[in-house]
Amino acid sequence: MNNNQTERNPEDVRRAIDSRLSFLTPDPFLAQKVMREAKGETPKMKRKMSLGLVIALALALLTLSVAVAEIIRYNQTWYFENRGAGYANEVYPDKVQAILDNLTENIEQQQTNNSYLDVIAQDASYVADRDLLTFTVRVAAREPEKYELHDLRVLDTDGSYVGEGGEENPAEDGVDRANHWLWVTSADMKGPSRFGPPEQVMNSPSKTLLLFDSGPVTMDGLTFDAAYDTFRVDDGAVILYCECYLNESGDAEELKTILTERDAVTIRVNYRAVEYHEGMEDIALYQGGEPGMVEFMVKVK
């Protein structure tokens, strides 16, 4: 692989992506999840909140009072009509219809005062007979003139980053590389995609690359994992679509009790904002940055 390459064949990208966990990739989560469910397989939970993250997120929450409805465009309705159209119309139309039938917008919410990002919960849906929670979150850079925002999952999507000290142009297979690569594609996945060193594929290479990394999701303090899909939209914001099967959590019984006893539950999404600089240490990229959270209410009855 040549480090000056900025475009790849769709087959090459798809094959490389399939070798990674859907939880760690941006676009393939839907395709892999659909295939898994069609085979009757059950998605596995993977991440737990660390004590360090709990301590780091002990921040004062600020009440969010914005006209959310005025900025919502890429919500779940848009998602299933555009980006997830095949998933919605061909594979699980009943499931998607149930999600949309239970959709709630203008959600009561609050968030930490993160110096890099504004993170807003756009909509949420709870489908009781499927124990399924879905929601979308809109992430925007507070200084868009300075930063170009992308999700961390679109960094090294093909899994070929070998880390510090690796060969940039190895003679054997031409795939391994020491530098990170960024994947840039259109929100509806119909436009051309670019994959290469960030400065070669960013829309505005003169800006600093800012990465959003979503972390554990909790319901009333109980942690469970989720399947994600993220995409960047025309105004530079990043949209996070999330699916959570609550009956697959290690705390499924406790969650069931909460859902039975209450009319609404509190969902919290933890995240990090990381400034990317070529050559930065991996520990700073994958564990550093400024933490934050958005917390919102979801009706369950």
Protein backbone atom coordinates (compact mmCIF):
# COMPACT_ATOMS: atom_id res chain seq x y z
CA MET A 1 0.00 0.00 0.00
CA ASN A 2 1.29 3.41 -0.91
CA ASN A 3 0.92 6.09 1.77
CA ASN A 4 -0.01 8.58 -0.95
CA GLN A 5 -3.04 6.53 -1.91
CA THR A 6 -6.30 8.27 -1.04
CA GLU A 7 -8.88 6.00 -2.67
CA ARG A 8 -9.50 2.28 -2.35
CA ASN A 9 -11.72 -0.21 -4.12
CA PRO A 10 -14.95 -0.87 -2.17
CA GLU A 11 -14.16 -4.59 -2.16
CA ASP A 12 -10.79 -3.99 -0.52
CA VAL A 13 -12.28 -1.77 2.18
CA ARG A 14 -15.14 -4.18 2.85
CA ARG A 15 -12.80 -7.16 3.13
CA ALA A 16 -10.53 -5.33 5.52
CA ILE A 17 -13.44 -4.10 7.61
CA ASP A 18 -14.91 -7.58 7.96
CA SER A 19 -11.78 -8.64 9.81
CA ARG A 20 -12.55 -6.23 12.66
CA LEU A 21 -15.21 -6.17 15.33
CA SER A 22 -18.34 -4.33 14.28
CA PHE A 23 -18.22 -2.49 17.60
CA LEU A 24 -15.00 -0.77 16.51
CA THR A 25 -15.99 0.24 12.98
CA PRO A 26 -18.24 2.99 11.65
CA ASP A 27 -20.24 1.69 8.69
CA PRO A 28 -20.12 -2.12 8.83
CA PHE A 29 -22.02 -2.39 12.11
CA LEU A 30 -25.36 -2.59 10.29
CA ALA A 31 -24.29 -5.12 7.71
CA GLN A 32 -22.60 -7.36 10.25
CA LYS A 33 -25.45 -7.09 12.74
CA VAL A 34 -28.04 -7.91 10.07
CA MET A 35 -26.07 -10.97 8.99
CA ARG A 36 -25.61 -12.07 12.60
CA GLU A 37 -29.30 -11.73 13.44
CA ALA A 38 -30.31 -13.50 10.23
CA LYS A 39 -28.24 -16.48 11.39
CA GLY A 40 -29.90 -16.42 14.80
CA GLU A 41 -26.72 -15.38 16.55
CA THR A 42 -26.70 -13.11 19.59
CA PRO A 43 -24.50 -10.00 19.76
CA LYS A 44 -22.02 -10.06 22.63
CA MET A 45 -21.45 -7.31 25.18
CA LYS A 46 -17.88 -6.12 25.30
CA ARG A 47 -17.03 -3.05 27.35
CA LYS A 48 -17.31 -2.00 30.97
CA MET A 49 -16.80 1.46 32.41
CA SER A 50 -13.43 1.84 34.09
CA LEU A 51 -13.00 3.41 37.51
CA GLY A 52 -10.70 5.99 35.94
CA LEU A 53 -13.42 7.11 33.55
CA VAL A 54 -15.96 7.35 36.36
CA ILE A 55 -13.60 9.61 38.28
CA ALA A 56 -12.74 11.67 35.20
CA LEU A 57 -16.43 12.23 34.47
CA ALA A 58 -17.24 13.52 37.94
CA LEU A 59 -18.01 16.92 36.43
CA ALA A 60 -20.75 19.43 37.14
CA LEU A 61 -23.59 18.95 34.67
CA LEU A 62 -24.97 22.01 32.97
CA THR A 63 -28.60 22.07 31.95
CA LEU A 64 -28.86 22.11 28.20
CA SER A 65 -31.46 24.56 26.96
CA VAL A 66 -31.32 24.80 23.19
CA ALA A 67 -33.91 24.64 20.48
CA VAL A 68 -32.98 21.08 19.61
CA ALA A 69 -35.77 20.76 17.08
CA GLU A 70 -34.24 23.55 15.01
CA ILE A 71 -31.01 21.64 14.36
CA ILE A 72 -32.36 18.09 14.08
CA ARG A 73 -32.24 16.77 10.57
CA TYR A 74 -30.27 13.56 10.58
CA ASN A 75 -32.48 11.78 13.10
CA GLN A 76 -33.61 8.15 13.11
CA THR A 77 -36.29 8.83 10.53
CA TRP A 78 -33.65 10.16 8.14
CA TYR A 79 -31.30 7.35 9.08
CA PHE A 80 -33.66 4.53 8.13
CA GLU A 81 -34.82 6.29 4.97
CA ASN A 82 -31.31 7.00 3.73
CA ARG A 83 -28.22 5.52 5.34
CA GLY A 84 -29.96 2.39 6.65
CA ALA A 85 -32.48 2.10 3.84
CA GLY A 86 -31.64 -1.51 2.98
CA TYR A 87 -31.68 -2.49 6.63
CA ALA A 88 -35.05 -0.83 7.10
CA ASN A 89 -36.87 -1.79 3.93
CA GLU A 90 -35.47 -5.20 3.10
CA VAL A 91 -34.28 -7.01 6.21
CA TYR A 92 -36.17 -5.90 9.32
CA PRO A 93 -39.03 -3.58 8.29
CA ASP A 94 -41.18 -4.55 11.29
CA LYS A 95 -38.39 -3.82 13.72
CA VAL A 96 -37.64 -0.45 12.15
CA GLN A 97 -41.32 0.48 12.11
CA ALA A 98 -41.56 -0.37 15.80
CA ILE A 99 -38.57 1.90 16.50
CA LEU A 100 -40.17 4.79 14.60
CA ASP A 101 -43.57 4.21 16.21
CA ASN A 102 -42.00 4.73 19.65
CA LEU A 103 -39.76 7.63 18.69
CA THR A 104 -39.50 10.60 21.03
CA GLU A 105 -37.94 13.94 20.10
CA ASN A 106 -37.37 17.18 22.04
CA ILE A 107 -35.79 15.13 24.80
CA GLU A 108 -35.16 16.47 28.29
CA GLN A 109 -31.39 16.43 28.68
CA GLN A 110 -28.26 17.91 30.19
CA GLN A 111 -24.57 17.73 29.36
CA THR A 112 -21.14 18.55 30.69
CA ASN A 113 -19.47 21.75 29.57
CA ASN A 114 -16.89 20.25 27.22
CA SER A 115 -14.51 22.84 25.80
CA TYR A 116 -14.31 21.09 22.41
CA LEU A 117 -17.78 19.72 21.69
CA ASP A 118 -21.51 20.25 21.96
CA VAL A 119 -23.20 16.86 22.24
CA ILE A 120 -27.00 16.74 21.95
CA ALA A 121 -29.36 13.78 22.13
CA GLN A 122 -31.69 14.19 19.13
CA ASP A 123 -34.23 11.40 19.60
CA ALA A 124 -34.73 8.07 21.34
CA SER A 125 -36.97 5.04 21.09
CA TYR A 126 -37.69 2.15 23.43
CA VAL A 127 -39.43 -0.92 21.99
CA ALA A 128 -40.62 -2.88 25.02
CA ASP A 129 -41.39 -6.21 23.37
CA ARG A 130 -37.86 -6.31 21.93
CA ASP A 131 -36.03 -4.84 24.95
CA LEU A 132 -34.51 -2.50 22.38
CA LEU A 133 -33.29 1.04 23.01
CA THR A 134 -32.18 3.23 20.11
CA PHE A 135 -31.13 6.87 19.95
CA THR A 136 -29.18 9.39 17.92
CA VAL A 137 -26.74 11.97 19.22
CA ARG A 138 -25.47 15.02 17.34
CA VAL A 139 -21.87 16.05 17.98
CA ALA A 140 -20.55 19.44 16.82
CA ALA A 141 -17.22 21.20 17.25
CA ARG A 142 -17.49 24.39 19.25
CA GLU A 143 -14.84 26.00 17.04
CA PRO A 144 -15.59 24.72 13.53
CA GLU A 145 -13.30 27.33 12.03
CA LYS A 146 -10.39 25.67 13.88
CA TYR A 147 -11.34 21.99 13.98
CA GLU A 148 -12.58 19.39 11.50
CA LEU A 149 -14.56 16.81 13.45
CA HIS A 150 -14.63 13.08 12.75
CA ASP A 151 -15.47 10.01 14.79
CA LEU A 152 -12.51 8.04 16.13
CA ARG A 153 -13.95 4.89 14.50
CA VAL A 154 -13.14 6.20 11.03
CA LEU A 155 -9.47 6.25 11.93
CA ASP A 156 -7.67 3.09 10.73
CA THR A 157 -10.95 1.46 9.71
CA ASP A 158 -9.20 -1.33 7.81
CA GLY A 159 -7.22 -2.39 10.88
CA SER A 160 -3.84 -1.95 9.19
CA TYR A 161 -2.28 0.49 11.66
CA VAL A 162 0.69 -1.28 13.25
CA GLY A 163 1.64 1.28 15.85
CA GLU A 164 4.67 3.28 16.72
CA GLY A 165 7.83 2.04 15.06
CA GLY A 166 6.04 0.08 12.34
CA GLU A 167 7.09 0.12 8.71
CA GLU A 168 5.42 2.75 6.55
CA ASN A 169 6.00 0.87 3.28
CA PRO A 170 6.77 -2.76 4.10
CA ALA A 171 8.05 -4.85 1.22
CA GLU A 172 6.09 -8.01 2.06
CA ASP A 173 2.43 -7.08 1.65
CA GLY A 174 2.29 -3.30 1.30
CA VAL A 175 -0.45 -3.07 3.95
CA ASP A 176 1.12 -2.46 7.36
CA ARG A 177 1.87 1.14 8.18
CA ALA A 178 3.06 3.23 11.08
CA ASN A 179 0.85 6.24 10.35
CA HIS A 180 -2.88 6.53 10.95
CA TRP A 181 -5.31 6.67 8.02
CA LEU A 182 -8.71 8.38 7.96
CA TRP A 183 -11.84 7.21 6.12
CA VAL A 184 -14.08 9.99 4.78
CA THR A 185 -17.40 9.14 3.15
CA SER A 186 -20.83 10.69 2.58
CA ALA A 187 -23.62 10.43 5.14
CA ASP A 188 -25.90 8.43 2.84
CA MET A 189 -22.94 6.29 1.62
CA LYS A 190 -23.79 7.11 -2.00
CA GLY A 191 -20.95 9.52 -2.64
CA PRO A 192 -17.27 8.69 -3.21
CA SER A 193 -15.11 7.81 -0.23
CA ARG A 194 -11.50 8.69 0.53
CA PHE A 195 -9.08 6.73 2.67
CA GLY A 196 -5.57 7.87 3.45
CA PRO A 197 -3.40 9.98 5.77
CA PRO A 198 -5.63 12.60 7.44
CA GLU A 199 -3.93 15.58 5.81
CA GLN A 200 -4.63 14.07 2.38
CA VAL A 201 -8.32 13.23 2.84
CA MET A 202 -9.67 15.84 5.26
CA ASN A 203 -12.06 18.37 3.75
CA SER A 204 -9.97 21.19 5.23
CA PRO A 205 -6.40 19.97 5.83
CA SER A 206 -5.43 23.34 7.29
CA LYS A 207 -7.69 22.65 10.29
CA THR A 208 -6.83 20.47 13.27
CA LEU A 209 -8.42 17.03 13.23
CA LEU A 210 -10.73 16.62 16.24
CA LEU A 211 -11.91 13.12 17.14
CA PHE A 212 -15.04 12.11 19.03
CA ASP A 213 -14.92 8.79 20.89
CA SER A 214 -18.15 7.57 22.46
CA GLY A 215 -17.75 5.42 25.54
CA PRO A 216 -20.00 3.33 27.79
CA VAL A 217 -23.76 3.87 27.89
CA THR A 218 -25.54 3.66 31.24
CA MET A 219 -29.17 3.45 32.38
CA ASP A 220 -29.67 4.84 35.86
CA GLY A 221 -26.03 4.03 36.58
CA LEU A 222 -26.01 0.49 35.18
CA THR A 223 -23.51 0.03 32.35
CA PHE A 224 -24.30 -1.86 29.18
CA ASP A 225 -22.79 -1.92 25.71
CA ALA A 226 -24.20 -0.78 22.43
CA ALA A 227 -23.74 -1.19 18.70
CA TYR A 228 -22.84 2.08 17.00
CA ASP A 229 -22.94 3.62 13.56
CA THR A 230 -21.53 7.11 13.03
CA PHE A 231 -21.35 9.44 10.06
CA ARG A 232 -20.34 13.00 9.26
CA VAL A 233 -22.94 15.35 7.77
CA ASP A 234 -22.83 18.41 5.53
CA ASP A 235 -22.45 20.99 8.29
CA GLY A 236 -19.46 19.15 9.80
CA ALA A 237 -21.31 17.55 12.69
CA VAL A 238 -21.02 13.85 13.53
CA ILE A 239 -24.18 11.80 14.09
CA LEU A 240 -24.10 8.77 16.35
CA TYR A 241 -26.82 6.13 15.91
CA CYS A 242 -26.94 3.61 18.75
CA GLU A 243 -28.77 0.30 19.32
CA CYS A 244 -28.86 -1.38 22.73
CA TYR A 245 -30.46 -4.76 23.45
CA LEU A 246 -31.02 -4.40 27.18
CA ASN A 247 -31.79 -8.09 27.80
CA GLU A 248 -28.22 -8.90 26.73
CA SER A 249 -26.63 -6.82 29.46
CA GLY A 250 -24.90 -8.42 32.41
CA ASP A 251 -27.32 -6.39 34.54
CA ALA A 252 -30.37 -7.49 32.55
CA GLU A 253 -32.43 -8.42 35.61
CA GLU A 254 -31.79 -5.09 37.33
CA LEU A 255 -32.54 -3.23 34.12
CA LYS A 256 -35.79 -5.17 33.77
CA THR A 257 -36.81 -4.12 37.29
CA ILE A 258 -36.09 -0.47 36.49
CA LEU A 259 -38.07 -0.64 33.24
CA THR A 260 -41.00 -2.27 35.04
CA GLU A 261 -41.16 0.25 37.86
CA ARG A 262 -40.62 3.51 35.99
CA ASP A 263 -42.24 5.52 33.22
CA ALA A 264 -38.90 6.99 32.09
CA VAL A 265 -35.22 6.20 32.57
CA THR A 266 -32.02 8.25 32.48
CA ILE A 267 -29.54 7.35 29.74
CA ARG A 268 -25.99 8.63 29.88
CA VAL A 269 -23.47 8.54 27.03
CA ASN A 270 -19.85 9.09 28.02
CA TYR A 271 -17.35 10.37 25.46
CA ARG A 272 -13.91 11.88 24.85
CA ALA A 273 -12.78 14.72 22.59
CA VAL A 274 -9.23 14.27 21.30
CA GLU A 275 -7.09 16.63 19.24
CA TYR A 276 -5.22 14.54 16.68
CA HIS A 277 -1.65 15.31 15.73
CA GLU A 278 0.45 13.05 13.51
CA GLY A 279 3.03 11.26 15.60
CA MET A 280 1.12 11.61 18.88
CA GLU A 281 1.54 8.74 21.31
CA ASP A 282 -1.05 5.98 21.14
CA ILE A 283 -1.88 6.30 24.82
CA ALA A 284 -2.81 9.96 24.28
CA LEU A 285 -4.95 9.08 21.26
CA TYR A 286 -6.80 6.14 22.77
CA GLN A 287 -7.00 7.17 26.42
CA GLY A 288 -6.41 10.91 26.54
CA GLY A 289 -8.43 13.93 25.58
CA GLU A 290 -11.19 15.75 27.44
CA PRO A 291 -14.02 13.57 28.79
CA GLY A 292 -17.66 14.54 28.82
CA MET A 293 -21.16 13.14 28.96
CA VAL A 294 -24.69 13.79 27.76
CA GLU A 295 -27.59 12.60 29.89
CA PHE A 296 -31.20 12.38 28.70
CA MET A 297 -34.58 10.92 29.59
CA VAL A 298 -36.26 8.15 27.60
CA LYS A 299 -39.92 7.21 28.01
CA VAL A 300 -40.40 3.49 28.50
CA LYS A 301 -44.17 3.46 29.06
